[in-house]
Amino acid sequence: MSATFDPSKAVAAYTRAFQHLRTLPGFSLQQLLRAEAAVILKTWAGKVKVAKPQEIDDRARYSALVHLGATTASKPGDVSINVGKRGSEAGLVWQRTKGERGNGRPYVLAGRMAKDGRFIANWRHFTSRQWADVMDTVIDAELAINKEIKLGRKSIGLARQSVIQIADDLGINLEAVRGGQLSSAAIAKARAAMTRSGKAVKNGRGTQGGDDTKYFVELMDSLPYGRAIGIDRELAGVLARRGKAMTIAFQKGAGDSIAKAKKSFPEVFRQSG
C-alpha cells in the first residue's frame, strides 16, 4: 500500500459499520462483507489502467526493431529503421553510405514503414544490390513487428485480470455487480489476457472464512509490476473513499433502521439480498 494511506482508518470504519449492519434483520455479516468486497473489486478493476492498442503496438515495434538489431547502421550498406525516440519519425528506413562528414551524406532515405506494415519505397540513389539489402531488413522487420504486436495485444488487460481473479476466487460474479465503470466485455477481455510469451498467469487471489460472529474476506494481488503502475494506490483510494462514505452515512443515521441502511448503501444490499 501507499505510505500516504492509513488502512486502519478504513478498517475501523468498516468494523463499526458492519458490526452494526449485521444486527439489522435479514442480513448476515458474511453476506454484507462479500457484497462490499464485490463493490470494491468492481470499482478497483475499473480504475486499473489498461494500455491502448496503439500504445501496445508502439512498444511492440520498438522491441522488435531493437532485438532485430535494425536500429543502428555502423558500416556502409547497413540498413537502420527509426524507432521514433527523441523526436524522430518512426518507421523511416535508412541505408548507410560511404559518405563521411564533409564528404557526402552518411545516410540515404530508402523509404518508410507505415503503421499498417506497408513499406513505402524511395527508389532514388540505390543500386539493385543496395536495394536487396534494404528489402531484406524491411521484410525481417515486418515479420518481427507483426509477431510482437500479436503477443503484445494478448497481454492487454493483464493488470486488470489480477483483480478479476480475486473476485473469481471468492465466487463473486463481477458482471452482475452494478457500477464500477467496467463493462462485461472489458471483464471478459481482461480475463483472457496472457503474458507476452503466451502463458496464462495467476496474480490475484481471494480467501474468506469464519462465521457470522467474526468473518473475513482477504484480497491479495501479486502482480509483479503492480506498484509501478499504481495498482496498490488505486485500491487504497477505493478503500479510503468507501470508509469515509460509511462514516458520513452513519453520522446521518444509516444504522437507525434497515430502510435507512439500504438507502445509504444500495449497492451493498443489492448484492447481498
Protein backbone atom coordinates (compact mmCIF):
# COMPACT_ATOMS: atom_id res chain seq x y z
CA MET A 1 0.00 0.00 0.00
CA SER A 2 0.98 3.62 -0.47
CA ALA A 3 2.66 5.22 2.54
CA THR A 4 0.10 8.04 2.39
CA PHE A 5 -2.81 5.67 3.07
CA ASP A 6 -3.66 4.65 6.63
CA PRO A 7 -5.59 1.35 6.31
CA SER A 8 -6.51 1.37 9.99
CA LYS A 9 -8.99 4.21 9.39
CA ALA A 10 -10.80 2.33 6.66
CA VAL A 11 -10.77 -0.89 8.67
CA ALA A 12 -12.18 0.91 11.70
CA ALA A 13 -14.94 2.42 9.58
CA TYR A 14 -15.79 -0.98 8.11
CA THR A 15 -15.76 -2.64 11.54
CA ARG A 16 -18.16 -0.11 13.03
CA ALA A 17 -20.44 -0.20 10.01
CA PHE A 18 -20.72 -3.94 9.53
CA GLN A 19 -20.90 -4.84 13.19
CA HIS A 20 -23.97 -2.61 13.32
CA LEU A 21 -25.46 -3.58 9.97
CA ARG A 22 -25.32 -7.28 10.76
CA THR A 23 -27.74 -6.67 13.65
CA LEU A 24 -30.39 -5.49 11.23
CA PRO A 25 -32.94 -8.14 10.23
CA GLY A 26 -32.37 -10.30 7.16
CA PHE A 27 -28.64 -9.88 6.57
CA SER A 28 -25.59 -11.70 7.90
CA LEU A 29 -22.07 -10.37 8.36
CA GLN A 30 -20.85 -12.82 5.72
CA GLN A 31 -23.39 -11.57 3.18
CA LEU A 32 -22.54 -7.95 3.79
CA LEU A 33 -18.76 -8.42 3.68
CA ARG A 34 -18.92 -10.38 0.44
CA ALA A 35 -21.23 -7.78 -1.05
CA GLU A 36 -18.89 -4.95 -0.05
CA ALA A 37 -15.93 -6.91 -1.45
CA ALA A 38 -17.83 -7.22 -4.74
CA VAL A 39 -18.35 -3.45 -4.93
CA ILE A 40 -14.71 -2.76 -4.03
CA LEU A 41 -13.36 -5.22 -6.60
CA LYS A 42 -15.60 -3.93 -9.39
CA THR A 43 -14.61 -0.32 -8.65
CA TRP A 44 -10.93 -1.23 -8.28
CA ALA A 45 -10.85 -3.22 -11.52
CA GLY A 46 -12.45 -0.32 -13.36
CA LYS A 47 -9.70 2.03 -12.18
CA VAL A 48 -6.77 -0.22 -13.15
CA LYS A 49 -5.13 1.28 -16.21
CA VAL A 50 -5.28 -0.76 -19.40
CA ALA A 51 -2.90 0.04 -22.25
CA LYS A 52 -4.46 1.16 -25.51
CA PRO A 53 -3.80 -0.96 -28.62
CA GLN A 54 -1.76 1.87 -30.18
CA GLU A 55 0.47 2.05 -27.10
CA ILE A 56 0.98 -1.71 -27.22
CA ASP A 57 1.75 -1.57 -30.95
CA ASP A 58 4.31 1.22 -30.48
CA ARG A 59 6.09 -0.75 -27.76
CA ALA A 60 5.99 -3.85 -29.95
CA ARG A 61 7.63 -2.04 -32.87
CA TYR A 62 10.33 -0.65 -30.62
CA SER A 63 11.03 -4.04 -29.03
CA ALA A 64 11.06 -5.88 -32.36
CA LEU A 65 13.45 -3.45 -34.05
CA VAL A 66 15.84 -3.33 -31.09
CA HIS A 67 16.01 -7.12 -30.77
CA LEU A 68 16.45 -7.41 -34.54
CA GLY A 69 19.39 -5.03 -34.38
CA ALA A 70 17.76 -2.85 -37.02
CA THR A 71 18.12 0.44 -35.18
CA THR A 72 21.80 1.04 -35.93
CA ALA A 73 23.88 1.05 -39.10
CA SER A 74 27.57 1.11 -38.31
CA LYS A 75 29.15 0.37 -41.70
CA PRO A 76 28.37 1.21 -45.34
CA GLY A 77 25.50 -0.88 -46.68
CA ASP A 78 23.87 -1.43 -43.27
CA VAL A 79 20.18 -0.59 -43.01
CA SER A 80 18.51 1.01 -39.99
CA ILE A 81 14.90 1.84 -39.09
CA ASN A 82 13.84 4.69 -36.81
CA VAL A 83 12.02 3.61 -33.65
CA GLY A 84 10.58 7.08 -33.06
CA LYS A 85 12.57 8.04 -29.98
CA ARG A 86 13.95 11.50 -29.18
CA GLY A 87 11.61 13.23 -31.60
CA SER A 88 12.49 11.21 -34.69
CA GLU A 89 9.80 9.97 -37.04
CA ALA A 90 9.12 6.27 -36.50
CA GLY A 91 9.45 3.92 -39.45
CA LEU A 92 11.95 5.82 -41.59
CA VAL A 93 14.30 3.33 -43.33
CA TRP A 94 17.90 4.42 -43.95
CA GLN A 95 20.94 2.88 -45.58
CA ARG A 96 24.45 3.79 -44.50
CA THR A 97 26.63 5.08 -47.34
CA LYS A 98 30.35 5.55 -47.82
CA GLY A 99 29.95 9.26 -47.31
CA GLU A 100 31.84 10.78 -44.42
CA ARG A 101 31.40 14.04 -42.60
CA GLY A 102 32.01 16.85 -45.05
CA ASN A 103 32.14 14.42 -47.98
CA GLY A 104 28.64 13.28 -48.87
CA ARG A 105 25.68 12.09 -46.83
CA PRO A 106 26.30 9.29 -44.32
CA TYR A 107 22.72 8.00 -44.71
CA VAL A 108 20.24 7.86 -47.58
CA LEU A 109 16.49 7.55 -47.07
CA ALA A 110 15.22 4.28 -48.56
CA GLY A 111 11.58 4.78 -47.61
CA ARG A 112 9.28 4.40 -44.64
CA MET A 113 7.34 1.63 -42.96
CA ALA A 114 3.73 2.63 -42.40
CA LYS A 115 1.94 1.58 -39.20
CA ASP A 116 -0.17 -0.90 -41.15
CA GLY A 117 3.03 -2.72 -42.17
CA ARG A 118 3.30 -1.43 -45.75
CA PHE A 119 6.69 -0.27 -46.98
CA ILE A 120 6.60 2.95 -48.97
CA ALA A 121 9.79 2.99 -51.02
CA ASN A 122 12.07 5.79 -52.15
CA TRP A 123 13.86 4.22 -55.13
CA ARG A 124 16.32 7.03 -55.82
CA HIS A 125 20.07 6.63 -55.29
CA PHE A 126 20.03 2.82 -54.96
CA THR A 127 21.62 0.02 -56.97
CA SER A 128 19.98 -3.41 -57.19
CA ARG A 129 22.40 -4.80 -54.61
CA GLN A 130 21.75 -1.96 -52.22
CA TRP A 131 18.02 -2.36 -52.65
CA ALA A 132 18.22 -6.09 -51.92
CA ASP A 133 19.85 -5.28 -48.56
CA VAL A 134 17.12 -2.76 -47.79
CA MET A 135 14.33 -5.21 -48.56
CA ASP A 136 15.94 -8.00 -46.53
CA THR A 137 15.89 -5.75 -43.47
CA VAL A 138 12.37 -4.46 -44.15
CA ILE A 139 10.92 -7.97 -44.56
CA ASP A 140 12.63 -9.20 -41.38
CA ALA A 141 11.34 -6.13 -39.55
CA GLU A 142 7.76 -6.63 -40.76
CA LEU A 143 7.75 -10.24 -39.57
CA ALA A 144 9.27 -9.36 -36.20
CA ILE A 145 6.91 -6.41 -35.64
CA ASN A 146 3.80 -8.40 -36.53
CA LYS A 147 4.84 -11.16 -34.14
CA GLU A 148 5.48 -8.70 -31.30
CA ILE A 149 2.17 -6.91 -31.91
CA LYS A 150 0.20 -10.15 -31.70
CA LEU A 151 1.91 -11.09 -28.45
CA GLY A 152 1.54 -7.59 -27.05
CA ARG A 153 -2.17 -7.36 -27.78
CA LYS A 154 -2.79 -10.65 -25.99
CA SER A 155 -1.37 -9.07 -22.84
CA ILE A 156 -3.80 -6.11 -22.84
CA GLY A 157 -5.67 -6.15 -19.53
CA LEU A 158 -3.23 -8.38 -17.66
CA ALA A 159 -3.08 -5.97 -14.70
CA ARG A 160 -6.87 -5.74 -14.51
CA GLN A 161 -7.03 -9.52 -14.77
CA SER A 162 -5.28 -9.84 -11.41
CA VAL A 163 -8.17 -8.02 -9.70
CA ILE A 164 -10.78 -10.04 -11.55
CA GLN A 165 -9.03 -13.25 -10.45
CA ILE A 166 -9.55 -12.22 -6.82
CA ALA A 167 -13.28 -11.94 -7.44
CA ASP A 168 -13.31 -15.28 -9.26
CA ASP A 169 -11.59 -16.94 -6.30
CA LEU A 170 -14.26 -15.54 -3.98
CA GLY A 171 -17.06 -16.72 -6.25
CA ILE A 172 -18.12 -13.14 -6.99
CA ASN A 173 -19.70 -12.54 -10.38
CA LEU A 174 -18.34 -9.11 -11.29
CA GLU A 175 -20.50 -8.95 -14.40
CA ALA A 176 -23.56 -8.82 -12.14
CA VAL A 177 -22.18 -6.04 -9.92
CA ARG A 178 -23.56 -2.65 -10.85
CA GLY A 179 -21.36 0.40 -11.33
CA GLY A 180 -17.60 0.44 -11.34
CA GLN A 181 -17.34 1.80 -14.90
CA LEU A 182 -16.44 -1.63 -16.23
CA SER A 183 -18.39 -3.49 -18.91
CA SER A 184 -18.85 -7.25 -19.18
CA ALA A 185 -16.88 -7.16 -22.44
CA ALA A 186 -13.95 -5.45 -20.71
CA ILE A 187 -14.03 -8.05 -17.93
CA ALA A 188 -14.05 -10.91 -20.43
CA LYS A 189 -11.15 -9.40 -22.37
CA ALA A 190 -9.06 -8.93 -19.23
CA ARG A 191 -9.87 -12.43 -18.00
CA ALA A 192 -8.47 -13.87 -21.26
CA ALA A 193 -5.22 -11.86 -21.18
CA MET A 194 -1.88 -13.71 -21.26
CA THR A 195 1.76 -12.77 -20.86
CA ARG A 196 3.74 -11.73 -23.93
CA SER A 197 5.13 -15.25 -24.03
CA GLY A 198 1.60 -16.61 -24.35
CA LYS A 199 1.31 -18.00 -20.81
CA ALA A 200 -1.68 -17.75 -18.51
CA VAL A 201 -0.73 -16.42 -15.06
CA LYS A 202 -2.37 -16.20 -11.65
CA ASN A 203 -1.61 -12.89 -9.93
CA GLY A 204 -4.81 -12.37 -7.94
CA ARG A 205 -6.16 -14.50 -5.09
CA GLY A 206 -9.03 -14.16 -2.67
CA THR A 207 -9.76 -16.04 0.54
CA GLN A 208 -12.62 -15.92 3.03
CA GLY A 209 -13.70 -17.68 6.18
CA GLY A 210 -15.10 -17.52 9.69
CA ASP A 211 -18.67 -17.40 10.92
CA ASP A 212 -21.31 -14.75 11.39
CA THR A 213 -19.67 -13.55 14.58
CA LYS A 214 -16.26 -13.00 13.04
CA TYR A 215 -15.86 -13.23 9.27
CA PHE A 216 -13.06 -12.11 6.95
CA VAL A 217 -12.54 -11.56 3.23
CA GLU A 218 -8.92 -11.21 2.07
CA LEU A 219 -7.83 -9.68 -1.25
CA MET A 220 -4.30 -10.48 -2.48
CA ASP A 221 -2.67 -9.10 -5.63
CA SER A 222 0.87 -10.19 -6.54
CA LEU A 223 1.17 -8.56 -9.97
CA PRO A 224 4.98 -8.14 -10.38
CA TYR A 225 4.74 -4.59 -11.74
CA GLY A 226 1.68 -3.62 -9.71
CA ARG A 227 3.36 -0.91 -7.67
CA ALA A 228 4.98 0.56 -10.77
CA ILE A 229 1.59 1.19 -12.36
CA GLY A 230 -0.07 2.26 -9.11
CA ILE A 231 -2.47 -0.65 -8.69
CA ASP A 232 -1.96 -0.52 -4.90
CA ARG A 233 -2.72 3.21 -4.82
CA GLU A 234 -5.95 2.64 -6.73
CA LEU A 235 -7.11 0.09 -4.14
CA ALA A 236 -6.08 2.40 -1.30
CA GLY A 237 -8.15 5.17 -2.86
CA VAL A 238 -11.21 2.95 -3.22
CA LEU A 239 -10.97 1.76 0.41
CA ALA A 240 -10.43 5.27 1.74
CA ARG A 241 -13.45 6.63 -0.14
CA ARG A 242 -15.66 3.71 0.91
CA GLY A 243 -14.61 4.04 4.56
CA LYS A 244 -15.23 7.78 4.58
CA ALA A 245 -18.63 7.36 2.91
CA MET A 246 -19.64 4.82 5.56
CA THR A 247 -18.60 7.10 8.40
CA ILE A 248 -20.61 10.00 6.97
CA ALA A 249 -23.62 7.78 6.27
CA PHE A 250 -23.72 6.52 9.85
CA GLN A 251 -23.43 10.05 11.15
CA LYS A 252 -26.58 10.75 9.16
CA GLY A 253 -28.45 7.80 10.67
CA ALA A 254 -27.73 4.98 8.21
CA GLY A 255 -27.72 2.47 11.07
CA ASP A 256 -31.04 3.52 12.57
CA SER A 257 -33.13 1.10 10.50
CA ILE A 258 -32.95 -1.40 7.67
CA ALA A 259 -34.70 1.10 5.38
CA LYS A 260 -32.10 3.82 6.06
CA ALA A 261 -29.24 1.34 5.70
CA LYS A 262 -30.50 0.18 2.30
CA LYS A 263 -30.89 3.78 1.18
CA SER A 264 -27.35 4.65 2.30
CA PHE A 265 -25.67 1.52 0.88
CA PRO A 266 -27.93 0.45 -2.01
CA GLU A 267 -25.19 -1.32 -3.97
CA VAL A 268 -24.15 -3.44 -0.96
CA PHE A 269 -27.66 -4.53 -0.08
CA ARG A 270 -28.40 -5.15 -3.75
CA GLN A 271 -25.50 -7.60 -3.87
CA SER A 272 -26.26 -9.29 -0.56
CA GLY A 273 -30.00 -9.50 -0.90
